[in-house]
Amino acid sequence: MPVFLFIALILFGIVAILYFAPHLRILNIVDYESTHSPDGINRYAAARLLIPACVSLGSAFIAGIRPDLMVPLIFLLMISILVAVVWIAAGVNRLKA
């Protein structure tokens, strides 16, 4: 359970940095030089990264009740992170114009 809370804390920190300091260029999957609005891309990414953060919080709650489900919940968390990264990478192409 503490693993999921730690991961949720890290993800919510990244979301907060992307949303409240959008001028920072911290995403390595984005070519900021070819965009007109890096602030918009960072806020777009922040909204999408809320999904794995919430999955991690839910996993912490479920793991607290049923510790035998920790391994499947870790895979669920990894899949949610992968989905968020693919969604961000696909959306960046649309926001480049």
PDB file of N, CA and C in Angstrom:
ATOM      1  N   MET A   1       0.808  -1.201   0.000  1.00  0.00           N
ATOM      2  CA  MET A   1       0.000   0.000   0.000  1.00  0.00           C
ATOM      3  C   MET A   1       0.855   1.271   0.000  1.00  0.00           C
ATOM      4  N   PRO A   2       1.929   1.351   0.780  1.00  0.00           N
ATOM      5  CA  PRO A   2       2.739   2.575   0.745  1.00  0.00           C
ATOM      6  C   PRO A   2       3.380   2.825  -0.619  1.00  0.00           C
ATOM      7  N   VAL A   3       3.608   1.765  -1.398  1.00  0.00           N
ATOM      8  CA  VAL A   3       4.184   1.934  -2.736  1.00  0.00           C
ATOM      9  C   VAL A   3       3.224   2.714  -3.612  1.00  0.00           C
ATOM     10  N   PHE A   4       1.957   2.361  -3.569  1.00  0.00           N
ATOM     11  CA  PHE A   4       0.967   3.051  -4.386  1.00  0.00           C
ATOM     12  C   PHE A   4       0.805   4.509  -3.956  1.00  0.00           C
ATOM     13  N   LEU A   5       0.856   4.760  -2.659  1.00  0.00           N
ATOM     14  CA  LEU A   5       0.744   6.142  -2.187  1.00  0.00           C
ATOM     15  C   LEU A   5       1.957   6.963  -2.613  1.00  0.00           C
ATOM     16  N   PHE A   6       3.132   6.363  -2.590  1.00  0.00           N
ATOM     17  CA  PHE A   6       4.347   7.049  -3.028  1.00  0.00           C
ATOM     18  C   PHE A   6       4.274   7.385  -4.518  1.00  0.00           C
ATOM     19  N   ILE A   7       3.834   6.426  -5.320  1.00  0.00           N
ATOM     20  CA  ILE A   7       3.704   6.662  -6.763  1.00  0.00           C
ATOM     21  C   ILE A   7       2.644   7.729  -7.031  1.00  0.00           C
ATOM     22  N   ALA A   8       1.539   7.688  -6.290  1.00  0.00           N
ATOM     23  CA  ALA A   8       0.496   8.709  -6.454  1.00  0.00           C
ATOM     24  C   ALA A   8       1.032  10.085  -6.093  1.00  0.00           C
ATOM     25  N   LEU A   9       1.839  10.167  -5.053  1.00  0.00           N
ATOM     26  CA  LEU A   9       2.420  11.447  -4.649  1.00  0.00           C
ATOM     27  C   LEU A   9       3.337  11.986  -5.749  1.00  0.00           C
ATOM     28  N   ILE A  10       4.155  11.125  -6.325  1.00  0.00           N
ATOM     29  CA  ILE A  10       5.040  11.545  -7.412  1.00  0.00           C
ATOM     30  C   ILE A  10       4.231  12.011  -8.623  1.00  0.00           C
ATOM     31  N   LEU A  11       3.205  11.239  -8.998  1.00  0.00           N
ATOM     32  CA  LEU A  11       2.403  11.599 -10.161  1.00  0.00           C
ATOM     33  C   LEU A  11       1.629  12.890  -9.939  1.00  0.00           C
ATOM     34  N   PHE A  12       1.063  13.088  -8.753  1.00  0.00           N
ATOM     35  CA  PHE A  12       0.359  14.341  -8.481  1.00  0.00           C
ATOM     36  C   PHE A  12       1.328  15.518  -8.452  1.00  0.00           C
ATOM     37  N   GLY A  13       2.573  15.294  -8.019  1.00  0.00           N
ATOM     38  CA  GLY A  13       3.586  16.344  -8.069  1.00  0.00           C
ATOM     39  C   GLY A  13       3.907  16.739  -9.497  1.00  0.00           C
ATOM     40  N   ILE A  14       4.047  15.742 -10.382  1.00  0.00           N
ATOM     41  CA  ILE A  14       4.308  16.025 -11.795  1.00  0.00           C
ATOM     42  C   ILE A  14       3.128  16.768 -12.419  1.00  0.00           C
ATOM     43  N   VAL A  15       1.920  16.337 -12.086  1.00  0.00           N
ATOM     44  CA  VAL A  15       0.723  17.019 -12.598  1.00  0.00           C
ATOM     45  C   VAL A  15       0.697  18.468 -12.132  1.00  0.00           C
ATOM     46  N   ALA A  16       1.022  18.700 -10.865  1.00  0.00           N
ATOM     47  CA  ALA A  16       1.019  20.070 -10.342  1.00  0.00           C
ATOM     48  C   ALA A  16       2.072  20.923 -11.032  1.00  0.00           C
ATOM     49  N   ILE A  17       3.253  20.361 -11.265  1.00  0.00           N
ATOM     50  CA  ILE A  17       4.304  21.123 -11.955  1.00  0.00           C
ATOM     51  C   ILE A  17       3.875  21.456 -13.377  1.00  0.00           C
ATOM     52  N   LEU A  18       3.312  20.477 -14.075  1.00  0.00           N
ATOM     53  CA  LEU A  18       2.897  20.714 -15.455  1.00  0.00           C
ATOM     54  C   LEU A  18       1.766  21.727 -15.540  1.00  0.00           C
ATOM     55  N   TYR A  19       0.865  21.712 -14.588  1.00  0.00           N
ATOM     56  CA  TYR A  19      -0.295  22.602 -14.666  1.00  0.00           C
ATOM     57  C   TYR A  19       0.021  24.012 -14.158  1.00  0.00           C
ATOM     58  N   PHE A  20       0.724  24.109 -13.030  1.00  0.00           N
ATOM     59  CA  PHE A  20       0.946  25.422 -12.425  1.00  0.00           C
ATOM     60  C   PHE A  20       2.230  26.101 -12.889  1.00  0.00           C
ATOM     61  N   ALA A  21       3.125  25.372 -13.535  1.00  0.00           N
ATOM     62  CA  ALA A  21       4.332  25.967 -14.118  1.00  0.00           C
ATOM     63  C   ALA A  21       4.490  25.442 -15.541  1.00  0.00           C
ATOM     64  N   PRO A  22       3.564  25.798 -16.425  1.00  0.00           N
ATOM     65  CA  PRO A  22       3.574  25.215 -17.766  1.00  0.00           C
ATOM     66  C   PRO A  22       4.727  25.680 -18.647  1.00  0.00           C
ATOM     67  N   HIS A  23       5.442  26.715 -18.227  1.00  0.00           N
ATOM     68  CA  HIS A  23       6.565  27.192 -19.038  1.00  0.00           C
ATOM     69  C   HIS A  23       7.781  26.269 -18.938  1.00  0.00           C
ATOM     70  N   LEU A  24       7.819  25.394 -17.942  1.00  0.00           N
ATOM     71  CA  LEU A  24       8.932  24.449 -17.821  1.00  0.00           C
ATOM     72  C   LEU A  24       8.819  23.373 -18.899  1.00  0.00           C
ATOM     73  N   ARG A  25       9.929  22.961 -19.430  1.00  0.00           N
ATOM     74  CA  ARG A  25       9.945  21.973 -20.505  1.00  0.00           C
ATOM     75  C   ARG A  25      10.481  20.657 -19.942  1.00  0.00           C
ATOM     76  N   ILE A  26       9.611  19.892 -19.289  1.00  0.00           N
ATOM     77  CA  ILE A  26      10.084  18.693 -18.597  1.00  0.00           C
ATOM     78  C   ILE A  26       9.686  17.385 -19.280  1.00  0.00           C
ATOM     79  N   LEU A  27       8.819  17.435 -20.259  1.00  0.00           N
ATOM     80  CA  LEU A  27       8.407  16.203 -20.927  1.00  0.00           C
ATOM     81  C   LEU A  27       9.412  15.848 -22.018  1.00  0.00           C
ATOM     82  N   ASN A  28       9.935  14.632 -21.975  1.00  0.00           N
ATOM     83  CA  ASN A  28      10.926  14.250 -22.980  1.00  0.00           C
ATOM     84  C   ASN A  28      10.295  13.659 -24.235  1.00  0.00           C
ATOM     85  N   ILE A  29       8.987  13.453 -24.253  1.00  0.00           N
ATOM     86  CA  ILE A  29       8.336  12.930 -25.454  1.00  0.00           C
ATOM     87  C   ILE A  29       7.821  14.052 -26.347  1.00  0.00           C
ATOM     88  N   VAL A  30       8.092  15.306 -25.964  1.00  0.00           N
ATOM     89  CA  VAL A  30       7.576  16.456 -26.698  1.00  0.00           C
ATOM     90  C   VAL A  30       8.740  17.256 -27.263  1.00  0.00           C
ATOM     91  N   ASP A  31       8.644  17.600 -28.543  1.00  0.00           N
ATOM     92  CA  ASP A  31       9.607  18.506 -29.165  1.00  0.00           C
ATOM     93  C   ASP A  31       9.063  19.919 -29.011  1.00  0.00           C
ATOM     94  N   TYR A  32       9.489  20.592 -27.958  1.00  0.00           N
ATOM     95  CA  TYR A  32       8.964  21.920 -27.647  1.00  0.00           C
ATOM     96  C   TYR A  32       9.350  22.963 -28.693  1.00  0.00           C
ATOM     97  N   GLU A  33      10.430  22.746 -29.408  1.00  0.00           N
ATOM     98  CA  GLU A  33      10.887  23.734 -30.388  1.00  0.00           C
ATOM     99  C   GLU A  33       9.944  23.832 -31.593  1.00  0.00           C
ATOM    100  N   SER A  34       9.212  22.779 -31.883  1.00  0.00           N
ATOM    101  CA  SER A  34       8.334  22.790 -33.055  1.00  0.00           C
ATOM    102  C   SER A  34       6.891  23.174 -32.708  1.00  0.00           C
ATOM    103  N   THR A  35       6.670  23.659 -31.504  1.00  0.00           N
ATOM    104  CA  THR A  35       5.313  24.014 -31.100  1.00  0.00           C
ATOM    105  C   THR A  35       5.191  25.510 -30.883  1.00  0.00           C
ATOM    106  N   HIS A  36       3.972  26.001 -31.014  1.00  0.00           N
ATOM    107  CA  HIS A  36       3.700  27.410 -30.765  1.00  0.00           C
ATOM    108  C   HIS A  36       3.219  27.626 -29.339  1.00  0.00           C
ATOM    109  N   SER A  37       2.734  26.563 -28.702  1.00  0.00           N
ATOM    110  CA  SER A  37       2.159  26.704 -27.369  1.00  0.00           C
ATOM    111  C   SER A  37       2.641  25.587 -26.436  1.00  0.00           C
ATOM    112  N   PRO A  38       3.836  25.713 -25.876  1.00  0.00           N
ATOM    113  CA  PRO A  38       4.279  24.685 -24.931  1.00  0.00           C
ATOM    114  C   PRO A  38       3.439  24.685 -23.653  1.00  0.00           C
ATOM    115  N   ASP A  39       2.874  25.848 -23.296  1.00  0.00           N
ATOM    116  CA  ASP A  39       2.011  25.894 -22.117  1.00  0.00           C
ATOM    117  C   ASP A  39       0.776  25.029 -22.302  1.00  0.00           C
ATOM    118  N   GLY A  40       0.184  25.097 -23.482  1.00  0.00           N
ATOM    119  CA  GLY A  40      -0.999  24.279 -23.766  1.00  0.00           C
ATOM    120  C   GLY A  40      -0.687  22.790 -23.768  1.00  0.00           C
ATOM    121  N   ILE A  41       0.472  22.444 -24.282  1.00  0.00           N
ATOM    122  CA  ILE A  41       0.860  21.027 -24.291  1.00  0.00           C
ATOM    123  C   ILE A  41       1.063  20.520 -22.873  1.00  0.00           C
ATOM    124  N   ASN A  42       1.710  21.312 -22.027  1.00  0.00           N
ATOM    125  CA  ASN A  42       1.932  20.870 -20.653  1.00  0.00           C
ATOM    126  C   ASN A  42       0.623  20.743 -19.878  1.00  0.00           C
ATOM    127  N   ARG A  43      -0.296  21.652 -20.113  1.00  0.00           N
ATOM    128  CA  ARG A  43      -1.598  21.533 -19.427  1.00  0.00           C
ATOM    129  C   ARG A  43      -2.410  20.362 -19.975  1.00  0.00           C
ATOM    130  N   TYR A  44      -2.284  20.089 -21.255  1.00  0.00           N
ATOM    131  CA  TYR A  44      -2.924  18.915 -21.854  1.00  0.00           C
ATOM    132  C   TYR A  44      -2.356  17.641 -21.219  1.00  0.00           C
ATOM    133  N   ALA A  45      -1.040  17.594 -21.072  1.00  0.00           N
ATOM    134  CA  ALA A  45      -0.394  16.426 -20.473  1.00  0.00           C
ATOM    135  C   ALA A  45      -0.765  16.283 -19.000  1.00  0.00           C
ATOM    136  N   ALA A  46      -0.901  17.394 -18.298  1.00  0.00           N
ATOM    137  CA  ALA A  46      -1.262  17.334 -16.877  1.00  0.00           C
ATOM    138  C   ALA A  46      -2.632  16.701 -16.687  1.00  0.00           C
ATOM    139  N   ALA A  47      -3.552  17.067 -17.552  1.00  0.00           N
ATOM    140  CA  ALA A  47      -4.900  16.487 -17.441  1.00  0.00           C
ATOM    141  C   ALA A  47      -4.877  14.985 -17.702  1.00  0.00           C
ATOM    142  N   ARG A  48      -4.039  14.548 -18.637  1.00  0.00           N
ATOM    143  CA  ARG A  48      -3.978  13.118 -18.961  1.00  0.00           C
ATOM    144  C   ARG A  48      -3.232  12.329 -17.896  1.00  0.00           C
ATOM    145  N   LEU A  49      -2.288  12.951 -17.212  1.00  0.00           N
ATOM    146  CA  LEU A  49      -1.544  12.260 -16.164  1.00  0.00           C
ATOM    147  C   LEU A  49      -2.331  12.117 -14.863  1.00  0.00           C
ATOM    148  N   LEU A  50      -3.482  12.760 -14.802  1.00  0.00           N
ATOM    149  CA  LEU A  50      -4.343  12.551 -13.630  1.00  0.00           C
ATOM    150  C   LEU A  50      -4.898  11.127 -13.590  1.00  0.00           C
ATOM    151  N   ILE A  51      -5.003  10.492 -14.743  1.00  0.00           N
ATOM    152  CA  ILE A  51      -5.549   9.127 -14.795  1.00  0.00           C
ATOM    153  C   ILE A  51      -4.681   8.152 -14.012  1.00  0.00           C
ATOM    154  N   PRO A  52      -3.368   8.035 -14.303  1.00  0.00           N
ATOM    155  CA  PRO A  52      -2.573   7.095 -13.507  1.00  0.00           C
ATOM    156  C   PRO A  52      -2.440   7.511 -12.041  1.00  0.00           C
ATOM    157  N   ALA A  53      -2.501   8.813 -11.760  1.00  0.00           N
ATOM    158  CA  ALA A  53      -2.438   9.248 -10.365  1.00  0.00           C
ATOM    159  C   ALA A  53      -3.667   8.759  -9.593  1.00  0.00           C
ATOM    160  N   CYS A  54      -4.824   8.878 -10.210  1.00  0.00           N
ATOM    161  CA  CYS A  54      -6.052   8.400  -9.567  1.00  0.00           C
ATOM    162  C   CYS A  54      -6.095   6.871  -9.488  1.00  0.00           C
ATOM    163  N   VAL A  55      -5.570   6.206 -10.505  1.00  0.00           N
ATOM    164  CA  VAL A  55      -5.486   4.735 -10.468  1.00  0.00           C
ATOM    165  C   VAL A  55      -4.591   4.307  -9.315  1.00  0.00           C
ATOM    166  N   SER A  56      -3.508   5.029  -9.098  1.00  0.00           N
ATOM    167  CA  SER A  56      -2.605   4.693  -7.998  1.00  0.00           C
ATOM    168  C   SER A  56      -3.281   4.901  -6.641  1.00  0.00           C
ATOM    169  N   LEU A  57      -4.030   5.975  -6.492  1.00  0.00           N
ATOM    170  CA  LEU A  57      -4.764   6.181  -5.236  1.00  0.00           C
ATOM    171  C   LEU A  57      -5.812   5.098  -5.014  1.00  0.00           C
ATOM    172  N   GLY A  58      -6.521   4.755  -6.068  1.00  0.00           N
ATOM    173  CA  GLY A  58      -7.501   3.668  -5.947  1.00  0.00           C
ATOM    174  C   GLY A  58      -6.841   2.339  -5.634  1.00  0.00           C
ATOM    175  N   SER A  59      -5.686   2.105  -6.214  1.00  0.00           N
ATOM    176  CA  SER A  59      -4.954   0.867  -5.934  1.00  0.00           C
ATOM    177  C   SER A  59      -4.491   0.828  -4.489  1.00  0.00           C
ATOM    178  N   ALA A  60      -4.092   1.969  -3.944  1.00  0.00           N
ATOM    179  CA  ALA A  60      -3.691   2.025  -2.539  1.00  0.00           C
ATOM    180  C   ALA A  60      -4.868   1.682  -1.636  1.00  0.00           C
ATOM    181  N   PHE A  61      -6.035   2.198  -1.979  1.00  0.00           N
ATOM    182  CA  PHE A  61      -7.225   1.895  -1.184  1.00  0.00           C
ATOM    183  C   PHE A  61      -7.571   0.411  -1.263  1.00  0.00           C
ATOM    184  N   ILE A  62      -7.554  -0.143  -2.474  1.00  0.00           N
ATOM    185  CA  ILE A  62      -7.889  -1.553  -2.650  1.00  0.00           C
ATOM    186  C   ILE A  62      -6.846  -2.449  -1.984  1.00  0.00           C
ATOM    187  N   ALA A  63      -5.558  -2.084  -2.103  1.00  0.00           N
ATOM    188  CA  ALA A  63      -4.497  -2.888  -1.495  1.00  0.00           C
ATOM    189  C   ALA A  63      -4.581  -2.846   0.027  1.00  0.00           C
ATOM    190  N   GLY A  64      -5.116  -1.776   0.575  1.00  0.00           N
ATOM    191  CA  GLY A  64      -5.312  -1.708   2.019  1.00  0.00           C
ATOM    192  C   GLY A  64      -6.382  -2.673   2.493  1.00  0.00           C
ATOM    193  N   ILE A  65      -7.385  -2.875   1.666  1.00  0.00           N
ATOM    194  CA  ILE A  65      -8.464  -3.793   2.007  1.00  0.00           C
ATOM    195  C   ILE A  65      -8.095  -5.232   1.679  1.00  0.00           C
ATOM    196  N   ARG A  66      -7.536  -5.432   0.485  1.00  0.00           N
ATOM    197  CA  ARG A  66      -7.180  -6.771   0.001  1.00  0.00           C
ATOM    198  C   ARG A  66      -5.712  -6.802  -0.429  1.00  0.00           C
ATOM    199  N   PRO A  67      -4.775  -7.045   0.487  1.00  0.00           N
ATOM    200  CA  PRO A  67      -3.352  -7.028   0.137  1.00  0.00           C
ATOM    201  C   PRO A  67      -2.956  -8.092  -0.891  1.00  0.00           C
ATOM    202  N   ASP A  68      -3.762  -9.126  -1.045  1.00  0.00           N
ATOM    203  CA  ASP A  68      -3.433 -10.172  -2.018  1.00  0.00           C
ATOM    204  C   ASP A  68      -3.593  -9.699  -3.465  1.00  0.00           C
ATOM    205  N   LEU A  69      -4.160  -8.531  -3.686  1.00  0.00           N
ATOM    206  CA  LEU A  69      -4.343  -8.001  -5.041  1.00  0.00           C
ATOM    207  C   LEU A  69      -3.260  -7.011  -5.454  1.00  0.00           C
ATOM    208  N   MET A  70      -2.168  -6.916  -4.695  1.00  0.00           N
ATOM    209  CA  MET A  70      -1.148  -5.915  -5.010  1.00  0.00           C
ATOM    210  C   MET A  70      -0.482  -6.147  -6.364  1.00  0.00           C
ATOM    211  N   VAL A  71      -0.173  -7.380  -6.711  1.00  0.00           N
ATOM    212  CA  VAL A  71       0.514  -7.643  -7.981  1.00  0.00           C
ATOM    213  C   VAL A  71      -0.375  -7.292  -9.179  1.00  0.00           C
ATOM    214  N   PRO A  72      -1.637  -7.710  -9.215  1.00  0.00           N
ATOM    215  CA  PRO A  72      -2.471  -7.270 -10.349  1.00  0.00           C
ATOM    216  C   PRO A  72      -2.667  -5.753 -10.387  1.00  0.00           C
ATOM    217  N   LEU A  73      -2.695  -5.120  -9.231  1.00  0.00           N
ATOM    218  CA  LEU A  73      -2.858  -3.669  -9.197  1.00  0.00           C
ATOM    219  C   LEU A  73      -1.615  -2.955  -9.713  1.00  0.00           C
ATOM    220  N   ILE A  74      -0.446  -3.535  -9.495  1.00  0.00           N
ATOM    221  CA  ILE A  74       0.778  -2.952 -10.059  1.00  0.00           C
ATOM    222  C   ILE A  74       0.720  -2.983 -11.583  1.00  0.00           C
ATOM    223  N   PHE A  75       0.241  -4.102 -12.142  1.00  0.00           N
ATOM    224  CA  PHE A  75       0.107  -4.185 -13.599  1.00  0.00           C
ATOM    225  C   PHE A  75      -0.937  -3.193 -14.107  1.00  0.00           C
ATOM    226  N   LEU A  76      -2.014  -3.020 -13.375  1.00  0.00           N
ATOM    227  CA  LEU A  76      -3.031  -2.038 -13.751  1.00  0.00           C
ATOM    228  C   LEU A  76      -2.436  -0.624 -13.755  1.00  0.00           C
ATOM    229  N   LEU A  77      -1.612  -0.327 -12.771  1.00  0.00           N
ATOM    230  CA  LEU A  77      -0.970   0.983 -12.715  1.00  0.00           C
ATOM    231  C   LEU A  77      -0.018   1.180 -13.890  1.00  0.00           C
ATOM    232  N   MET A  78       0.759   0.165 -14.211  1.00  0.00           N
ATOM    233  CA  MET A  78       1.683   0.276 -15.355  1.00  0.00           C
ATOM    234  C   MET A  78       0.925   0.483 -16.661  1.00  0.00           C
ATOM    235  N   ILE A  79      -0.185  -0.217 -16.825  1.00  0.00           N
ATOM    236  CA  ILE A  79      -0.989  -0.062 -18.042  1.00  0.00           C
ATOM    237  C   ILE A  79      -1.577   1.340 -18.107  1.00  0.00           C
ATOM    238  N   SER A  80      -2.024   1.883 -16.978  1.00  0.00           N
ATOM    239  CA  SER A  80      -2.593   3.234 -16.996  1.00  0.00           C
ATOM    240  C   SER A  80      -1.528   4.278 -17.319  1.00  0.00           C
ATOM    241  N   ILE A  81      -0.304   4.084 -16.858  1.00  0.00           N
ATOM    242  CA  ILE A  81       0.776   5.007 -17.203  1.00  0.00           C
ATOM    243  C   ILE A  81       1.086   4.920 -18.690  1.00  0.00           C
ATOM    244  N   LEU A  82       1.133   3.710 -19.218  1.00  0.00           N
ATOM    245  CA  LEU A  82       1.396   3.530 -20.644  1.00  0.00           C
ATOM    246  C   LEU A  82       0.302   4.174 -21.498  1.00  0.00           C
ATOM    247  N   VAL A  83      -0.942   3.996 -21.111  1.00  0.00           N
ATOM    248  CA  VAL A  83      -2.054   4.599 -21.847  1.00  0.00           C
ATOM    249  C   VAL A  83      -1.952   6.121 -21.812  1.00  0.00           C
ATOM    250  N   ALA A  84      -1.614   6.684 -20.646  1.00  0.00           N
ATOM    251  CA  ALA A  84      -1.500   8.139 -20.541  1.00  0.00           C
ATOM    252  C   ALA A  84      -0.365   8.670 -21.414  1.00  0.00           C
ATOM    253  N   VAL A  85       0.764   7.971 -21.446  1.00  0.00           N
ATOM    254  CA  VAL A  85       1.895   8.428 -22.260  1.00  0.00           C
ATOM    255  C   VAL A  85       1.558   8.360 -23.748  1.00  0.00           C
ATOM    256  N   VAL A  86       0.912   7.296 -24.175  1.00  0.00           N
ATOM    257  CA  VAL A  86       0.525   7.174 -25.582  1.00  0.00           C
ATOM    258  C   VAL A  86      -0.505   8.245 -25.940  1.00  0.00           C
ATOM    259  N   TRP A  87      -1.444   8.507 -25.049  1.00  0.00           N
ATOM    260  CA  TRP A  87      -2.466   9.519 -25.282  1.00  0.00           C
ATOM    261  C   TRP A  87      -1.830  10.913 -25.387  1.00  0.00           C
ATOM    262  N   ILE A  88      -0.849  11.197 -24.534  1.00  0.00           N
ATOM    263  CA  ILE A  88      -0.162  12.484 -24.585  1.00  0.00           C
ATOM    264  C   ILE A  88       0.620  12.596 -25.901  1.00  0.00           C
ATOM    265  N   ALA A  89       1.348  11.552 -26.260  1.00  0.00           N
ATOM    266  CA  ALA A  89       2.154  11.596 -27.478  1.00  0.00           C
ATOM    267  C   ALA A  89       1.274  11.758 -28.709  1.00  0.00           C
ATOM    268  N   ALA A  90       0.118  11.117 -28.741  1.00  0.00           N
ATOM    269  CA  ALA A  90      -0.780  11.258 -29.873  1.00  0.00           C
ATOM    270  C   ALA A  90      -1.420  12.656 -29.903  1.00  0.00           C
ATOM    271  N   GLY A  91      -1.715  13.202 -28.756  1.00  0.00           N
ATOM    272  CA  GLY A  91      -2.350  14.521 -28.696  1.00  0.00           C
ATOM    273  C   GLY A  91      -1.405  15.663 -28.988  1.00  0.00           C
ATOM    274  N   VAL A  92      -0.118  15.456 -28.740  1.00  0.00           N
ATOM    275  CA  VAL A  92       0.849  16.517 -29.009  1.00  0.00           C
ATOM    276  C   VAL A  92       0.905  16.840 -30.484  1.00  0.00           C
ATOM    277  N   ASN A  93       0.775  15.833 -31.329  1.00  0.00           N
ATOM    278  CA  ASN A  93       0.771  16.073 -32.772  1.00  0.00           C
ATOM    279  C   ASN A  93      -0.376  16.974 -33.196  1.00  0.00           C
ATOM    280  N   ARG A  94      -1.502  16.824 -32.534  1.00  0.00           N
ATOM    281  CA  ARG A  94      -2.671  17.652 -32.850  1.00  0.00           C
ATOM    282  C   ARG A  94      -2.473  19.088 -32.358  1.00  0.00           C
ATOM    283  N   LEU A  95      -1.747  19.252 -31.246  1.00  0.00           N
ATOM    284  CA  LEU A  95      -1.571  20.586 -30.667  1.00  0.00           C
ATOM    285  C   LEU A  95      -0.395  21.350 -31.257  1.00  0.00           C
ATOM    286  N   LYS A  96       0.385  20.723 -32.121  1.00  0.00           N
ATOM    287  CA  LYS A  96       1.558  21.383 -32.703  1.00  0.00           C
ATOM    288  C   LYS A  96       1.209  22.502 -33.670  1.00  0.00           C
ATOM    289  N   ALA A  97       0.045  22.458 -34.250  1.00  0.00           N
ATOM    290  CA  ALA A  97      -0.323  23.459 -35.267  1.00  0.00           C
ATOM    291  C   ALA A  97      -0.486  24.844 -34.696  1.00  0.00           C
TER     292      ALA A  97
END
